[in-house]
Amino acid sequence: MKDLYRETGGKRGDRTTLPAEAQKAYMVGETVATHDLKQAGKFDGNQQQVNRQIEGTVKDSSKKVRKLFPW
């Protein structure tokens, strides 16, 4: 993530400073992650386990999205 901001001259933490294509990629990634999380349903376990399950789902979603973009 830091690389994206550095390489594009964006201000870290401010998506509006990224190129339009990167902003679109963020939106697509968030949309896919939201869909995948809803589809996964309820997560089980203590809060730490639930957090790991959510992180894993979002990580898998981001892999899907990366395949859609050339960078």
N, C-alpha and C. Protein backbone atom coordinates (compact mmCIF):
# COMPACT_ATOMS: atom_id res chain seq x y z
N MET A 1 0.81 -1.18 0.00
CA MET A 1 0.00 0.00 0.00
C MET A 1 0.87 1.26 0.00
N LYS A 2 1.89 1.26 0.84
CA LYS A 2 2.78 2.42 0.89
C LYS A 2 3.41 2.65 -0.47
N ASP A 3 3.72 1.56 -1.17
CA ASP A 3 4.35 1.67 -2.48
C ASP A 3 3.44 2.40 -3.46
N LEU A 4 2.15 2.09 -3.41
CA LEU A 4 1.20 2.72 -4.32
C LEU A 4 1.22 4.24 -4.15
N TYR A 5 1.15 4.69 -2.91
CA TYR A 5 1.17 6.14 -2.67
C TYR A 5 2.50 6.75 -3.08
N ARG A 6 3.58 6.08 -2.73
CA ARG A 6 4.91 6.62 -3.05
C ARG A 6 5.12 6.68 -4.57
N GLU A 7 4.77 5.61 -5.26
CA GLU A 7 5.03 5.53 -6.70
C GLU A 7 4.12 6.45 -7.52
N THR A 8 2.98 6.79 -6.98
CA THR A 8 2.07 7.66 -7.73
C THR A 8 2.12 9.10 -7.26
N GLY A 9 2.90 9.36 -6.22
CA GLY A 9 3.00 10.71 -5.70
C GLY A 9 1.81 11.11 -4.84
N GLY A 10 1.03 10.12 -4.44
CA GLY A 10 -0.13 10.40 -3.60
C GLY A 10 0.25 10.61 -2.15
N LYS A 11 -0.65 11.27 -1.44
CA LYS A 11 -0.46 11.49 -0.01
C LYS A 11 -1.03 10.29 0.72
N ARG A 12 -0.18 9.62 1.48
CA ARG A 12 -0.58 8.40 2.17
C ARG A 12 -1.82 8.63 3.03
N GLY A 13 -2.79 7.74 2.86
CA GLY A 13 -4.02 7.83 3.62
C GLY A 13 -5.09 8.71 2.98
N ASP A 14 -4.76 9.36 1.87
CA ASP A 14 -5.72 10.23 1.18
C ASP A 14 -5.92 9.70 -0.24
N ARG A 15 -6.93 8.89 -0.40
CA ARG A 15 -7.19 8.26 -1.70
C ARG A 15 -7.42 9.26 -2.81
N THR A 16 -7.91 10.43 -2.45
CA THR A 16 -8.20 11.42 -3.49
C THR A 16 -6.94 11.90 -4.20
N THR A 17 -5.78 11.63 -3.61
CA THR A 17 -4.52 12.04 -4.24
C THR A 17 -3.98 10.96 -5.18
N LEU A 18 -4.66 9.83 -5.23
CA LEU A 18 -4.23 8.74 -6.13
C LEU A 18 -4.82 8.95 -7.52
N PRO A 19 -4.20 8.35 -8.54
CA PRO A 19 -4.77 8.41 -9.88
C PRO A 19 -6.18 7.81 -9.90
N ALA A 20 -6.98 8.26 -10.83
CA ALA A 20 -8.37 7.82 -10.93
C ALA A 20 -8.50 6.30 -11.00
N GLU A 21 -7.61 5.64 -11.73
CA GLU A 21 -7.68 4.18 -11.85
C GLU A 21 -7.46 3.49 -10.50
N ALA A 22 -6.54 4.02 -9.72
CA ALA A 22 -6.29 3.44 -8.39
C ALA A 22 -7.51 3.65 -7.49
N GLN A 23 -8.14 4.81 -7.59
CA GLN A 23 -9.34 5.06 -6.81
C GLN A 23 -10.45 4.09 -7.20
N LYS A 24 -10.59 3.83 -8.49
CA LYS A 24 -11.59 2.87 -8.96
C LYS A 24 -11.28 1.48 -8.42
N ALA A 25 -10.01 1.12 -8.42
CA ALA A 25 -9.61 -0.20 -7.91
C ALA A 25 -9.97 -0.34 -6.44
N TYR A 26 -9.76 0.70 -5.67
CA TYR A 26 -10.15 0.67 -4.26
C TYR A 26 -11.64 0.41 -4.12
N MET A 27 -12.44 1.13 -4.91
CA MET A 27 -13.89 0.98 -4.82
C MET A 27 -14.32 -0.43 -5.20
N VAL A 28 -13.72 -0.97 -6.24
CA VAL A 28 -14.05 -2.33 -6.66
C VAL A 28 -13.65 -3.31 -5.55
N GLY A 29 -12.48 -3.13 -4.99
CA GLY A 29 -12.01 -4.00 -3.93
C GLY A 29 -12.93 -3.98 -2.72
N GLU A 30 -13.37 -2.81 -2.34
CA GLU A 30 -14.27 -2.70 -1.19
C GLU A 30 -15.63 -3.33 -1.49
N THR A 31 -16.09 -3.17 -2.72
CA THR A 31 -17.37 -3.76 -3.11
C THR A 31 -17.30 -5.28 -3.09
N VAL A 32 -16.25 -5.84 -3.64
CA VAL A 32 -16.07 -7.30 -3.65
C VAL A 32 -15.93 -7.82 -2.23
N ALA A 33 -15.14 -7.14 -1.40
CA ALA A 33 -14.96 -7.58 -0.02
C ALA A 33 -16.28 -7.54 0.75
N THR A 34 -17.05 -6.50 0.55
CA THR A 34 -18.35 -6.40 1.21
C THR A 34 -19.26 -7.55 0.79
N HIS A 35 -19.29 -7.82 -0.50
CA HIS A 35 -20.10 -8.93 -1.01
C HIS A 35 -19.63 -10.27 -0.41
N ASP A 36 -18.34 -10.50 -0.42
CA ASP A 36 -17.80 -11.75 0.10
C ASP A 36 -18.07 -11.91 1.60
N LEU A 37 -17.97 -10.81 2.34
CA LEU A 37 -18.24 -10.88 3.78
C LEU A 37 -19.72 -11.21 4.04
N LYS A 38 -20.60 -10.58 3.26
CA LYS A 38 -22.03 -10.87 3.42
C LYS A 38 -22.32 -12.32 3.06
N GLN A 39 -21.68 -12.80 2.01
CA GLN A 39 -21.89 -14.17 1.56
C GLN A 39 -21.34 -15.18 2.58
N ALA A 40 -20.28 -14.81 3.28
CA ALA A 40 -19.67 -15.71 4.26
C ALA A 40 -20.58 -15.91 5.46
N GLY A 41 -21.44 -14.94 5.73
CA GLY A 41 -22.35 -15.07 6.86
C GLY A 41 -21.67 -14.76 8.17
N LYS A 42 -22.17 -15.37 9.21
CA LYS A 42 -21.66 -15.10 10.55
C LYS A 42 -20.37 -15.88 10.80
N PHE A 43 -19.40 -15.21 11.41
CA PHE A 43 -18.15 -15.84 11.77
C PHE A 43 -18.24 -16.34 13.21
N ASP A 44 -17.57 -17.44 13.49
CA ASP A 44 -17.63 -18.04 14.82
C ASP A 44 -16.31 -17.87 15.57
N GLY A 45 -16.41 -17.90 16.89
CA GLY A 45 -15.22 -17.86 17.73
C GLY A 45 -15.16 -16.59 18.55
N ASN A 46 -14.03 -16.45 19.24
CA ASN A 46 -13.84 -15.22 20.02
C ASN A 46 -13.49 -14.08 19.07
N GLN A 47 -13.40 -12.88 19.59
CA GLN A 47 -13.19 -11.70 18.73
C GLN A 47 -11.92 -11.81 17.90
N GLN A 48 -10.88 -12.35 18.48
CA GLN A 48 -9.61 -12.49 17.75
C GLN A 48 -9.78 -13.46 16.58
N GLN A 49 -10.49 -14.55 16.79
CA GLN A 49 -10.72 -15.52 15.71
C GLN A 49 -11.60 -14.92 14.62
N VAL A 50 -12.62 -14.20 15.04
CA VAL A 50 -13.52 -13.55 14.07
C VAL A 50 -12.74 -12.55 13.24
N ASN A 51 -11.89 -11.76 13.88
CA ASN A 51 -11.07 -10.78 13.16
C ASN A 51 -10.19 -11.46 12.12
N ARG A 52 -9.58 -12.58 12.48
CA ARG A 52 -8.73 -13.31 11.53
C ARG A 52 -9.54 -13.84 10.36
N GLN A 53 -10.75 -14.32 10.62
CA GLN A 53 -11.61 -14.82 9.55
C GLN A 53 -12.00 -13.69 8.60
N ILE A 54 -12.32 -12.54 9.17
CA ILE A 54 -12.66 -11.38 8.34
C ILE A 54 -11.46 -10.95 7.52
N GLU A 55 -10.29 -10.88 8.14
CA GLU A 55 -9.07 -10.50 7.42
C GLU A 55 -8.79 -11.47 6.28
N GLY A 56 -8.97 -12.75 6.53
CA GLY A 56 -8.75 -13.75 5.48
C GLY A 56 -9.71 -13.59 4.32
N THR A 57 -10.97 -13.31 4.63
CA THR A 57 -11.97 -13.12 3.58
C THR A 57 -11.63 -11.90 2.73
N VAL A 58 -11.26 -10.81 3.39
CA VAL A 58 -10.91 -9.59 2.67
C VAL A 58 -9.65 -9.78 1.84
N LYS A 59 -8.69 -10.51 2.38
CA LYS A 59 -7.45 -10.79 1.63
C LYS A 59 -7.77 -11.59 0.36
N ASP A 60 -8.63 -12.58 0.49
CA ASP A 60 -9.03 -13.37 -0.69
C ASP A 60 -9.76 -12.49 -1.71
N SER A 61 -10.58 -11.58 -1.22
CA SER A 61 -11.30 -10.67 -2.11
C SER A 61 -10.33 -9.79 -2.88
N SER A 62 -9.31 -9.31 -2.18
CA SER A 62 -8.34 -8.43 -2.85
C SER A 62 -7.57 -9.18 -3.94
N LYS A 63 -7.33 -10.47 -3.72
CA LYS A 63 -6.66 -11.26 -4.76
C LYS A 63 -7.52 -11.35 -6.01
N LYS A 64 -8.82 -11.51 -5.83
CA LYS A 64 -9.74 -11.54 -6.98
C LYS A 64 -9.67 -10.24 -7.76
N VAL A 65 -9.70 -9.14 -7.02
CA VAL A 65 -9.73 -7.82 -7.66
C VAL A 65 -8.43 -7.53 -8.39
N ARG A 66 -7.30 -7.94 -7.82
CA ARG A 66 -6.01 -7.67 -8.46
C ARG A 66 -5.92 -8.28 -9.85
N LYS A 67 -6.61 -9.37 -10.05
CA LYS A 67 -6.59 -10.02 -11.36
C LYS A 67 -7.30 -9.17 -12.43
N LEU A 68 -8.14 -8.24 -11.98
CA LEU A 68 -8.89 -7.41 -12.91
C LEU A 68 -8.11 -6.21 -13.42
N PHE A 69 -7.06 -5.84 -12.68
CA PHE A 69 -6.32 -4.64 -13.01
C PHE A 69 -4.89 -4.98 -13.43
N PRO A 70 -4.35 -4.24 -14.38
CA PRO A 70 -3.03 -4.56 -14.91
C PRO A 70 -1.88 -4.24 -13.96
N TRP A 71 -2.10 -3.54 -12.90
CA TRP A 71 -1.02 -3.18 -12.00
C TRP A 71 -1.34 -3.75 -10.68
